[in-house]
Amino acid sequence: MRVAVLGAGVMGAGMVRSLRRAGHDVAVWNRTPAKAADLASVGAVPAPDVTAAVTGADAVISMLFDAEATLAVKADLTAALADGAVWIQSATVGVAGIGAVAEGVPAIVDAPVLGTRKPADDGTLVVLASGDPALLERCRPVFDAIGSRTVVAGDTVGPASALKLACNSWVALAMAGIGQSVQLARALGVDPRLFLSAIDGGPTGMPYAQVKGQAVLAGDYATSFAVDGVVKDVGLMVDAAAQVGFPTGLLDALRALYAEASAAGHGDADMAAVAESFRR
């Protein structure tokens, strides 16, 4: 297939590399042209604008920061989208956001992904997909290239974006809990490595705790999922929860923690930097 990827950040760039490994022809556009140009080394074709990237594509993946950035390219994208081509919307834009993005676009699927830098690079993301079953089937070669599996959330646009918020709420909560536990051990005069050792292999332990806990111990916040991205996503969770009368107390606390880390200068750092919000 010929695939256009709009957005060459951490996730978009990883998708491009995975698509190329699977043998797809890939055009890539990014608002900062240098990021798209860097992907020429794997055989992707940098495009000067959205129209050039999308023209002739069988599928278009949008992997931009938020709904605002996605809506900014919508007119050019849809104008250049060929008959029979599919728009695969993979950014985390929230429930209201996907409604605005998909409005008036018949050939669009809702397909956010779970995973960060390494899964994107390795082609092992989990694709959360919803939309017209015929369109989803048409996207299967793309999903297979970028992901290890696809979870179908429904046959309309929207459920996949809702599921993404639920999944990311768990990730944000888990990371905040890991950071809190490491820093609490430190504050109480206990070697925080003992916390990771105590839960390792037990029913309350998980590989994620070991990976992120070690990052906190080392102060290594090389970005896989940036703090500012978490702040944006938790804000979308709060908005969606409020719309259905779901209590937002824990989400509000999470947003405050990540926002504090951002205000302290860690906005572009990995979400593990939320641990700095517990350092006194």
C-alpha atoms as a PDB file:
ATOM      1  CA  MET A   1       0.000   0.000   0.000  1.00  0.00           C
ATOM      2  CA  ARG A   2       0.949   3.630  -0.309  1.00  0.00           C
ATOM      3  CA  VAL A   3       0.561   5.203   3.119  1.00  0.00           C
ATOM      4  CA  ALA A   4       0.816   8.859   4.103  1.00  0.00           C
ATOM      5  CA  VAL A   5       1.829   9.619   7.685  1.00  0.00           C
ATOM      6  CA  LEU A   6       1.065  13.093   9.005  1.00  0.00           C
ATOM      7  CA  GLY A   7       3.202  13.753  12.054  1.00  0.00           C
ATOM      8  CA  ALA A   8       6.799  12.623  12.479  1.00  0.00           C
ATOM      9  CA  GLY A   9       7.188  12.888  16.231  1.00  0.00           C
ATOM     10  CA  VAL A  10       8.167   9.961  18.450  1.00  0.00           C
ATOM     11  CA  MET A  11       5.115   7.899  17.518  1.00  0.00           C
ATOM     12  CA  GLY A  12       4.719   8.943  13.915  1.00  0.00           C
ATOM     13  CA  ALA A  13       8.381   8.332  13.133  1.00  0.00           C
ATOM     14  CA  GLY A  14       8.177   4.865  14.664  1.00  0.00           C
ATOM     15  CA  MET A  15       5.114   4.098  12.568  1.00  0.00           C
ATOM     16  CA  VAL A  16       6.940   5.198   9.426  1.00  0.00           C
ATOM     17  CA  ARG A  17       9.837   2.855  10.172  1.00  0.00           C
ATOM     18  CA  SER A  18       7.477  -0.051  10.863  1.00  0.00           C
ATOM     19  CA  LEU A  19       5.500   0.588   7.672  1.00  0.00           C
ATOM     20  CA  ARG A  20       8.688   0.667   5.623  1.00  0.00           C
ATOM     21  CA  ARG A  21       9.907  -2.617   7.145  1.00  0.00           C
ATOM     22  CA  ALA A  22       6.620  -4.183   6.092  1.00  0.00           C
ATOM     23  CA  GLY A  23       7.216  -3.044   2.515  1.00  0.00           C
ATOM     24  CA  HIS A  24       4.722  -0.199   2.243  1.00  0.00           C
ATOM     25  CA  ASP A  25       5.512   2.951   0.285  1.00  0.00           C
ATOM     26  CA  VAL A  26       5.392   5.857   2.732  1.00  0.00           C
ATOM     27  CA  ALA A  27       5.099   9.607   2.322  1.00  0.00           C
ATOM     28  CA  VAL A  28       5.580  11.648   5.482  1.00  0.00           C
ATOM     29  CA  TRP A  29       4.764  15.236   6.394  1.00  0.00           C
ATOM     30  CA  ASN A  30       5.577  17.163   9.536  1.00  0.00           C
ATOM     31  CA  ARG A  31       5.144  20.810  10.478  1.00  0.00           C
ATOM     32  CA  THR A  32       8.870  20.832  11.216  1.00  0.00           C
ATOM     33  CA  PRO A  33      10.230  19.623   7.849  1.00  0.00           C
ATOM     34  CA  ALA A  34      13.524  18.370   9.272  1.00  0.00           C
ATOM     35  CA  LYS A  35      11.755  15.605  11.183  1.00  0.00           C
ATOM     36  CA  ALA A  36      10.187  14.305   7.978  1.00  0.00           C
ATOM     37  CA  ALA A  37      13.485  14.668   6.117  1.00  0.00           C
ATOM     38  CA  ASP A  38      15.225  12.476   8.703  1.00  0.00           C
ATOM     39  CA  LEU A  39      12.981   9.567   7.667  1.00  0.00           C
ATOM     40  CA  ALA A  40      14.311   9.579   4.109  1.00  0.00           C
ATOM     41  CA  SER A  41      17.059   7.344   5.519  1.00  0.00           C
ATOM     42  CA  VAL A  42      14.533   4.481   5.817  1.00  0.00           C
ATOM     43  CA  GLY A  43      13.071   5.087   2.376  1.00  0.00           C
ATOM     44  CA  ALA A  44      10.148   7.343   3.288  1.00  0.00           C
ATOM     45  CA  VAL A  45       9.457  10.279   0.981  1.00  0.00           C
ATOM     46  CA  PRO A  46       9.287  13.642   2.795  1.00  0.00           C
ATOM     47  CA  ALA A  47       6.380  15.741   1.523  1.00  0.00           C
ATOM     48  CA  PRO A  48       6.427  19.547   1.454  1.00  0.00           C
ATOM     49  CA  ASP A  49       2.790  19.836   2.520  1.00  0.00           C
ATOM     50  CA  VAL A  50      -0.262  17.816   3.528  1.00  0.00           C
ATOM     51  CA  THR A  51      -1.692  17.785   0.022  1.00  0.00           C
ATOM     52  CA  ALA A  52       1.468  16.327  -1.482  1.00  0.00           C
ATOM     53  CA  ALA A  53       1.652  13.645   1.214  1.00  0.00           C
ATOM     54  CA  VAL A  54      -1.970  12.550   0.882  1.00  0.00           C
ATOM     55  CA  THR A  55      -2.319  12.647  -2.911  1.00  0.00           C
ATOM     56  CA  GLY A  56      -2.332   9.090  -4.255  1.00  0.00           C
ATOM     57  CA  ALA A  57      -2.302   7.429  -0.826  1.00  0.00           C
ATOM     58  CA  ASP A  58      -4.379   4.328  -0.094  1.00  0.00           C
ATOM     59  CA  ALA A  59      -4.382   5.149   3.621  1.00  0.00           C
ATOM     60  CA  VAL A  60      -3.508   8.260   5.632  1.00  0.00           C
ATOM     61  CA  ILE A  61      -2.418   8.067   9.275  1.00  0.00           C
ATOM     62  CA  SER A  62      -2.726  11.263  11.298  1.00  0.00           C
ATOM     63  CA  MET A  63      -0.534  11.180  14.405  1.00  0.00           C
ATOM     64  CA  LEU A  64      -0.512  14.790  15.559  1.00  0.00           C
ATOM     65  CA  PHE A  65      -0.452  16.211  19.080  1.00  0.00           C
ATOM     66  CA  ASP A  66      -4.132  16.923  19.665  1.00  0.00           C
ATOM     67  CA  ALA A  67      -7.514  17.615  18.116  1.00  0.00           C
ATOM     68  CA  GLU A  68      -6.603  21.216  17.324  1.00  0.00           C
ATOM     69  CA  ALA A  69      -3.544  20.153  15.312  1.00  0.00           C
ATOM     70  CA  THR A  70      -5.564  17.446  13.563  1.00  0.00           C
ATOM     71  CA  LEU A  71      -8.399  19.787  12.664  1.00  0.00           C
ATOM     72  CA  ALA A  72      -5.831  22.210  11.248  1.00  0.00           C
ATOM     73  CA  VAL A  73      -4.947  19.683   8.519  1.00  0.00           C
ATOM     74  CA  LYS A  74      -8.460  18.302   7.971  1.00  0.00           C
ATOM     75  CA  ALA A  75      -9.441  20.463   5.015  1.00  0.00           C
ATOM     76  CA  ASP A  76      -6.272  19.780   3.038  1.00  0.00           C
ATOM     77  CA  LEU A  77      -6.305  16.089   3.965  1.00  0.00           C
ATOM     78  CA  THR A  78      -9.889  15.433   2.944  1.00  0.00           C
ATOM     79  CA  ALA A  79      -9.573  17.480  -0.249  1.00  0.00           C
ATOM     80  CA  ALA A  80      -6.616  15.332  -1.371  1.00  0.00           C
ATOM     81  CA  LEU A  81      -8.000  11.980  -0.152  1.00  0.00           C
ATOM     82  CA  ALA A  82      -8.600   9.721  -3.132  1.00  0.00           C
ATOM     83  CA  ASP A  83     -11.766   7.693  -3.697  1.00  0.00           C
ATOM     84  CA  GLY A  84     -11.332   4.397  -1.878  1.00  0.00           C
ATOM     85  CA  ALA A  85      -8.658   5.761   0.464  1.00  0.00           C
ATOM     86  CA  VAL A  86      -9.080   5.681   4.250  1.00  0.00           C
ATOM     87  CA  TRP A  87      -8.143   8.226   6.908  1.00  0.00           C
ATOM     88  CA  ILE A  88      -6.759   6.417   9.966  1.00  0.00           C
ATOM     89  CA  GLN A  89      -6.990   8.875  12.866  1.00  0.00           C
ATOM     90  CA  SER A  90      -4.456   7.684  15.477  1.00  0.00           C
ATOM     91  CA  ALA A  91      -3.810  10.713  17.656  1.00  0.00           C
ATOM     92  CA  THR A  92      -5.300  10.884  21.159  1.00  0.00           C
ATOM     93  CA  VAL A  93      -7.976  13.520  20.600  1.00  0.00           C
ATOM     94  CA  GLY A  94     -10.652  12.509  23.117  1.00  0.00           C
ATOM     95  CA  VAL A  95     -14.328  11.779  22.697  1.00  0.00           C
ATOM     96  CA  ALA A  96     -15.427  15.256  21.640  1.00  0.00           C
ATOM     97  CA  GLY A  97     -12.301  15.640  19.520  1.00  0.00           C
ATOM     98  CA  ILE A  98     -12.882  12.553  17.394  1.00  0.00           C
ATOM     99  CA  GLY A  99     -16.453  13.701  16.814  1.00  0.00           C
ATOM    100  CA  ALA A 100     -15.221  17.025  15.437  1.00  0.00           C
ATOM    101  CA  VAL A 101     -12.471  15.411  13.375  1.00  0.00           C
ATOM    102  CA  ALA A 102     -14.762  12.788  11.826  1.00  0.00           C
ATOM    103  CA  GLU A 103     -17.681  15.117  11.106  1.00  0.00           C
ATOM    104  CA  GLY A 104     -18.487  15.039   7.398  1.00  0.00           C
ATOM    105  CA  VAL A 105     -15.761  12.472   6.608  1.00  0.00           C
ATOM    106  CA  PRO A 106     -17.230   9.140   5.478  1.00  0.00           C
ATOM    107  CA  ALA A 107     -13.933   7.282   4.974  1.00  0.00           C
ATOM    108  CA  ILE A 108     -12.391   7.616   8.430  1.00  0.00           C
ATOM    109  CA  VAL A 109     -11.607   5.098  11.160  1.00  0.00           C
ATOM    110  CA  ASP A 110     -10.894   5.811  14.798  1.00  0.00           C
ATOM    111  CA  ALA A 111      -7.599   4.084  15.577  1.00  0.00           C
ATOM    112  CA  PRO A 112      -5.547   5.416  18.493  1.00  0.00           C
ATOM    113  CA  VAL A 113      -2.717   3.197  19.692  1.00  0.00           C
ATOM    114  CA  LEU A 114      -1.268   1.949  22.968  1.00  0.00           C
ATOM    115  CA  GLY A 115       2.504   2.058  23.323  1.00  0.00           C
ATOM    116  CA  THR A 116       5.348   4.518  23.318  1.00  0.00           C
ATOM    117  CA  ARG A 117       8.675   4.936  21.519  1.00  0.00           C
ATOM    118  CA  LYS A 118       9.967   1.348  21.473  1.00  0.00           C
ATOM    119  CA  PRO A 119       6.687  -0.356  20.489  1.00  0.00           C
ATOM    120  CA  ALA A 120       6.235   2.253  17.757  1.00  0.00           C
ATOM    121  CA  ASP A 121       9.749   1.579  16.472  1.00  0.00           C
ATOM    122  CA  ASP A 122       9.291  -2.203  16.741  1.00  0.00           C
ATOM    123  CA  GLY A 123       5.839  -2.349  15.166  1.00  0.00           C
ATOM    124  CA  THR A 124       4.322  -3.804  18.332  1.00  0.00           C
ATOM    125  CA  LEU A 125       1.753  -1.148  19.219  1.00  0.00           C
ATOM    126  CA  VAL A 126      -1.750  -2.208  20.214  1.00  0.00           C
ATOM    127  CA  VAL A 127      -4.213  -0.639  17.803  1.00  0.00           C
ATOM    128  CA  LEU A 128      -7.585   0.328  19.286  1.00  0.00           C
ATOM    129  CA  ALA A 129      -9.941   0.532  16.326  1.00  0.00           C
ATOM    130  CA  SER A 130     -13.560   1.397  15.691  1.00  0.00           C
ATOM    131  CA  GLY A 131     -15.514   2.300  12.587  1.00  0.00           C
ATOM    132  CA  ASP A 132     -17.172   0.804   9.543  1.00  0.00           C
ATOM    133  CA  PRO A 133     -16.086  -2.875   9.468  1.00  0.00           C
ATOM    134  CA  ALA A 134     -15.365  -2.673   5.724  1.00  0.00           C
ATOM    135  CA  LEU A 135     -13.030   0.278   6.285  1.00  0.00           C
ATOM    136  CA  LEU A 136     -11.331  -1.476   9.200  1.00  0.00           C
ATOM    137  CA  GLU A 137     -10.674  -4.497   7.000  1.00  0.00           C
ATOM    138  CA  ARG A 138      -9.166  -2.237   4.349  1.00  0.00           C
ATOM    139  CA  CYS A 139      -6.796  -0.890   7.009  1.00  0.00           C
ATOM    140  CA  ARG A 140      -5.660  -4.345   8.140  1.00  0.00           C
ATOM    141  CA  PRO A 141      -2.270  -4.281   6.328  1.00  0.00           C
ATOM    142  CA  VAL A 142      -1.461  -0.968   8.023  1.00  0.00           C
ATOM    143  CA  PHE A 143      -2.579  -2.177  11.445  1.00  0.00           C
ATOM    144  CA  ASP A 144      -0.520  -5.357  11.021  1.00  0.00           C
ATOM    145  CA  ALA A 145       2.568  -3.315  10.135  1.00  0.00           C
ATOM    146  CA  ILE A 146       2.423  -0.935  13.093  1.00  0.00           C
ATOM    147  CA  GLY A 147       0.935  -3.213  15.745  1.00  0.00           C
ATOM    148  CA  SER A 148       1.170  -6.609  17.376  1.00  0.00           C
ATOM    149  CA  ARG A 149      -2.610  -6.847  17.644  1.00  0.00           C
ATOM    150  CA  THR A 150      -5.793  -4.888  17.034  1.00  0.00           C
ATOM    151  CA  VAL A 151      -8.612  -4.497  19.556  1.00  0.00           C
ATOM    152  CA  VAL A 152     -11.872  -3.643  17.795  1.00  0.00           C
ATOM    153  CA  ALA A 153     -13.971  -1.430  20.055  1.00  0.00           C
ATOM    154  CA  GLY A 154     -17.041  -0.939  17.864  1.00  0.00           C
ATOM    155  CA  ASP A 155     -18.432  -0.405  14.389  1.00  0.00           C
ATOM    156  CA  THR A 156     -18.744   3.379  14.637  1.00  0.00           C
ATOM    157  CA  VAL A 157     -16.220   6.166  15.097  1.00  0.00           C
ATOM    158  CA  GLY A 158     -15.770   7.091  18.774  1.00  0.00           C
ATOM    159  CA  PRO A 159     -15.546   3.959  20.937  1.00  0.00           C
ATOM    160  CA  ALA A 160     -11.839   3.490  20.212  1.00  0.00           C
ATOM    161  CA  SER A 161     -11.039   7.022  21.379  1.00  0.00           C
ATOM    162  CA  ALA A 162     -13.105   6.437  24.518  1.00  0.00           C
ATOM    163  CA  LEU A 163     -11.227   3.189  25.175  1.00  0.00           C
ATOM    164  CA  LYS A 164      -7.913   5.012  24.680  1.00  0.00           C
ATOM    165  CA  LEU A 165      -8.825   7.439  27.468  1.00  0.00           C
ATOM    166  CA  ALA A 166      -9.640   4.556  29.824  1.00  0.00           C
ATOM    167  CA  CYS A 167      -6.331   2.852  28.993  1.00  0.00           C
ATOM    168  CA  ASN A 168      -4.284   6.019  29.380  1.00  0.00           C
ATOM    169  CA  SER A 169      -5.927   6.754  32.719  1.00  0.00           C
ATOM    170  CA  TRP A 170      -4.490   3.450  33.944  1.00  0.00           C
ATOM    171  CA  VAL A 171      -1.025   4.244  32.553  1.00  0.00           C
ATOM    172  CA  ALA A 172      -1.000   7.723  34.097  1.00  0.00           C
ATOM    173  CA  LEU A 173      -2.167   6.368  37.448  1.00  0.00           C
ATOM    174  CA  ALA A 174       0.355   3.519  37.429  1.00  0.00           C
ATOM    175  CA  MET A 175       3.254   5.856  36.680  1.00  0.00           C
ATOM    176  CA  ALA A 176       2.202   8.300  39.395  1.00  0.00           C
ATOM    177  CA  GLY A 177       1.924   5.400  41.847  1.00  0.00           C
ATOM    178  CA  ILE A 178       5.382   4.104  40.978  1.00  0.00           C
ATOM    179  CA  GLY A 179       6.887   7.558  41.390  1.00  0.00           C
ATOM    180  CA  GLN A 180       5.110   8.088  44.691  1.00  0.00           C
ATOM    181  CA  SER A 181       6.276   4.758  46.115  1.00  0.00           C
ATOM    182  CA  VAL A 182       9.918   5.286  45.129  1.00  0.00           C
ATOM    183  CA  GLN A 183       9.962   8.786  46.588  1.00  0.00           C
ATOM    184  CA  LEU A 184       8.072   7.775  49.748  1.00  0.00           C
ATOM    185  CA  ALA A 185      10.649   5.083  50.438  1.00  0.00           C
ATOM    186  CA  ARG A 186      13.400   7.673  50.039  1.00  0.00           C
ATOM    187  CA  ALA A 187      11.627  10.140  52.310  1.00  0.00           C
ATOM    188  CA  LEU A 188      11.236   7.484  55.006  1.00  0.00           C
ATOM    189  CA  GLY A 189      14.924   6.572  54.865  1.00  0.00           C
ATOM    190  CA  VAL A 190      14.476   3.240  53.070  1.00  0.00           C
ATOM    191  CA  ASP A 191      16.491   2.280  50.009  1.00  0.00           C
ATOM    192  CA  PRO A 192      13.871   2.687  47.222  1.00  0.00           C
ATOM    193  CA  ARG A 193      15.417  -0.231  45.334  1.00  0.00           C
ATOM    194  CA  LEU A 194      13.926  -2.436  48.049  1.00  0.00           C
ATOM    195  CA  PHE A 195      10.423  -1.343  46.987  1.00  0.00           C
ATOM    196  CA  LEU A 196      11.055  -2.619  43.463  1.00  0.00           C
ATOM    197  CA  SER A 197      12.617  -5.801  44.811  1.00  0.00           C
ATOM    198  CA  ALA A 198       9.682  -6.436  47.178  1.00  0.00           C
ATOM    199  CA  ILE A 199       7.016  -6.280  44.456  1.00  0.00           C
ATOM    200  CA  ASP A 200       9.057  -7.997  41.737  1.00  0.00           C
ATOM    201  CA  GLY A 201       7.392 -11.221  40.627  1.00  0.00           C
ATOM    202  CA  GLY A 202       4.517 -10.882  43.063  1.00  0.00           C
ATOM    203  CA  PRO A 203       0.816 -10.355  42.369  1.00  0.00           C
ATOM    204  CA  THR A 204       1.157  -6.587  42.785  1.00  0.00           C
ATOM    205  CA  GLY A 205       4.290  -6.327  40.659  1.00  0.00           C
ATOM    206  CA  MET A 206       4.428  -5.679  36.929  1.00  0.00           C
ATOM    207  CA  PRO A 207       7.232  -5.227  34.389  1.00  0.00           C
ATOM    208  CA  TYR A 208       6.203  -1.594  33.894  1.00  0.00           C
ATOM    209  CA  ALA A 209       6.987  -0.854  37.550  1.00  0.00           C
ATOM    210  CA  GLN A 210      10.500  -2.240  37.155  1.00  0.00           C
ATOM    211  CA  VAL A 211      11.243  -0.322  33.962  1.00  0.00           C
ATOM    212  CA  LYS A 212       9.840   2.998  35.130  1.00  0.00           C
ATOM    213  CA  GLY A 213      11.013   2.533  38.713  1.00  0.00           C
ATOM    214  CA  GLN A 214      14.582   2.098  37.511  1.00  0.00           C
ATOM    215  CA  ALA A 215      14.205   5.237  35.397  1.00  0.00           C
ATOM    216  CA  VAL A 216      13.086   7.201  38.463  1.00  0.00           C
ATOM    217  CA  LEU A 217      15.980   5.823  40.536  1.00  0.00           C
ATOM    218  CA  ALA A 218      18.438   6.912  37.845  1.00  0.00           C
ATOM    219  CA  GLY A 219      16.706  10.220  37.139  1.00  0.00           C
ATOM    220  CA  ASP A 220      16.626   9.091  33.502  1.00  0.00           C
ATOM    221  CA  TYR A 221      13.698  10.822  31.867  1.00  0.00           C
ATOM    222  CA  ALA A 222      14.508  10.204  28.202  1.00  0.00           C
ATOM    223  CA  THR A 223      11.186  10.779  26.525  1.00  0.00           C
ATOM    224  CA  SER A 224       8.912   7.964  25.436  1.00  0.00           C
ATOM    225  CA  PHE A 225       5.657   9.692  26.472  1.00  0.00           C
ATOM    226  CA  ALA A 226       6.098  13.314  27.478  1.00  0.00           C
ATOM    227  CA  VAL A 227       4.675  14.827  30.649  1.00  0.00           C
ATOM    228  CA  ASP A 228       2.850  17.505  28.634  1.00  0.00           C
ATOM    229  CA  GLY A 229       1.201  14.764  26.582  1.00  0.00           C
ATOM    230  CA  VAL A 230      -0.090  13.176  29.781  1.00  0.00           C
ATOM    231  CA  VAL A 231      -1.415  16.536  30.988  1.00  0.00           C
ATOM    232  CA  LYS A 232      -3.294  16.895  27.696  1.00  0.00           C
ATOM    233  CA  ASP A 233      -4.669  13.355  27.823  1.00  0.00           C
ATOM    234  CA  VAL A 234      -5.812  13.541  31.457  1.00  0.00           C
ATOM    235  CA  GLY A 235      -7.549  16.800  30.606  1.00  0.00           C
ATOM    236  CA  LEU A 236      -9.449  14.933  27.887  1.00  0.00           C
ATOM    237  CA  MET A 237     -10.373  12.268  30.446  1.00  0.00           C
ATOM    238  CA  VAL A 238     -11.707  14.890  32.846  1.00  0.00           C
ATOM    239  CA  ASP A 239     -13.783  16.493  30.098  1.00  0.00           C
ATOM    240  CA  ALA A 240     -15.204  13.171  28.902  1.00  0.00           C
ATOM    241  CA  ALA A 241     -15.961  12.008  32.448  1.00  0.00           C
ATOM    242  CA  ALA A 242     -17.735  15.242  33.274  1.00  0.00           C
ATOM    243  CA  GLN A 243     -19.955  14.840  30.217  1.00  0.00           C
ATOM    244  CA  VAL A 244     -21.321  11.547  31.536  1.00  0.00           C
ATOM    245  CA  GLY A 245     -21.409  12.463  35.226  1.00  0.00           C
ATOM    246  CA  PHE A 246     -18.460  10.259  36.166  1.00  0.00           C
ATOM    247  CA  PRO A 247     -16.520  11.376  39.282  1.00  0.00           C
ATOM    248  CA  THR A 248     -13.284  13.154  38.401  1.00  0.00           C
ATOM    249  CA  GLY A 249     -11.575  13.433  41.788  1.00  0.00           C
ATOM    250  CA  LEU A 250      -8.728  11.019  41.046  1.00  0.00           C
ATOM    251  CA  LEU A 251      -8.310  12.348  37.508  1.00  0.00           C
ATOM    252  CA  ASP A 252      -8.135  15.894  38.874  1.00  0.00           C
ATOM    253  CA  ALA A 253      -5.376  14.833  41.282  1.00  0.00           C
ATOM    254  CA  LEU A 254      -3.465  13.112  38.470  1.00  0.00           C
ATOM    255  CA  ARG A 255      -3.670  16.161  36.243  1.00  0.00           C
ATOM    256  CA  ALA A 256      -2.400  18.349  39.067  1.00  0.00           C
ATOM    257  CA  LEU A 257       0.602  16.048  39.668  1.00  0.00           C
ATOM    258  CA  TYR A 258       1.665  15.964  36.030  1.00  0.00           C
ATOM    259  CA  ALA A 259       1.000  19.696  35.640  1.00  0.00           C
ATOM    260  CA  GLU A 260       3.276  20.314  38.647  1.00  0.00           C
ATOM    261  CA  ALA A 261       6.038  18.302  36.985  1.00  0.00           C
ATOM    262  CA  SER A 262       5.543  20.305  33.801  1.00  0.00           C
ATOM    263  CA  ALA A 263       5.661  23.612  35.669  1.00  0.00           C
ATOM    264  CA  ALA A 264       8.941  22.493  37.247  1.00  0.00           C
ATOM    265  CA  GLY A 265      10.492  22.257  33.781  1.00  0.00           C
ATOM    266  CA  HIS A 266       9.813  18.606  32.924  1.00  0.00           C
ATOM    267  CA  GLY A 267       7.099  19.131  30.309  1.00  0.00           C
ATOM    268  CA  ASP A 268       9.149  17.635  27.482  1.00  0.00           C
ATOM    269  CA  ALA A 269      10.598  14.866  29.681  1.00  0.00           C
ATOM    270  CA  ASP A 270       9.217  11.364  29.987  1.00  0.00           C
ATOM    271  CA  MET A 271       6.136  10.871  32.134  1.00  0.00           C
ATOM    272  CA  ALA A 272       8.365   9.172  34.729  1.00  0.00           C
ATOM    273  CA  ALA A 273       9.360  12.725  35.702  1.00  0.00           C
ATOM    274  CA  VAL A 274       6.042  12.920  37.582  1.00  0.00           C
ATOM    275  CA  ALA A 275       8.120  11.397  40.381  1.00  0.00           C
ATOM    276  CA  GLU A 276       9.693  14.830  40.813  1.00  0.00           C
ATOM    277  CA  SER A 277       6.329  16.089  42.051  1.00  0.00           C
ATOM    278  CA  PHE A 278       6.889  13.928  45.159  1.00  0.00           C
ATOM    279  CA  ARG A 279      10.427  15.148  45.822  1.00  0.00           C
ATOM    280  CA  ARG A 280      10.626  17.577  48.715  1.00  0.00           C
END
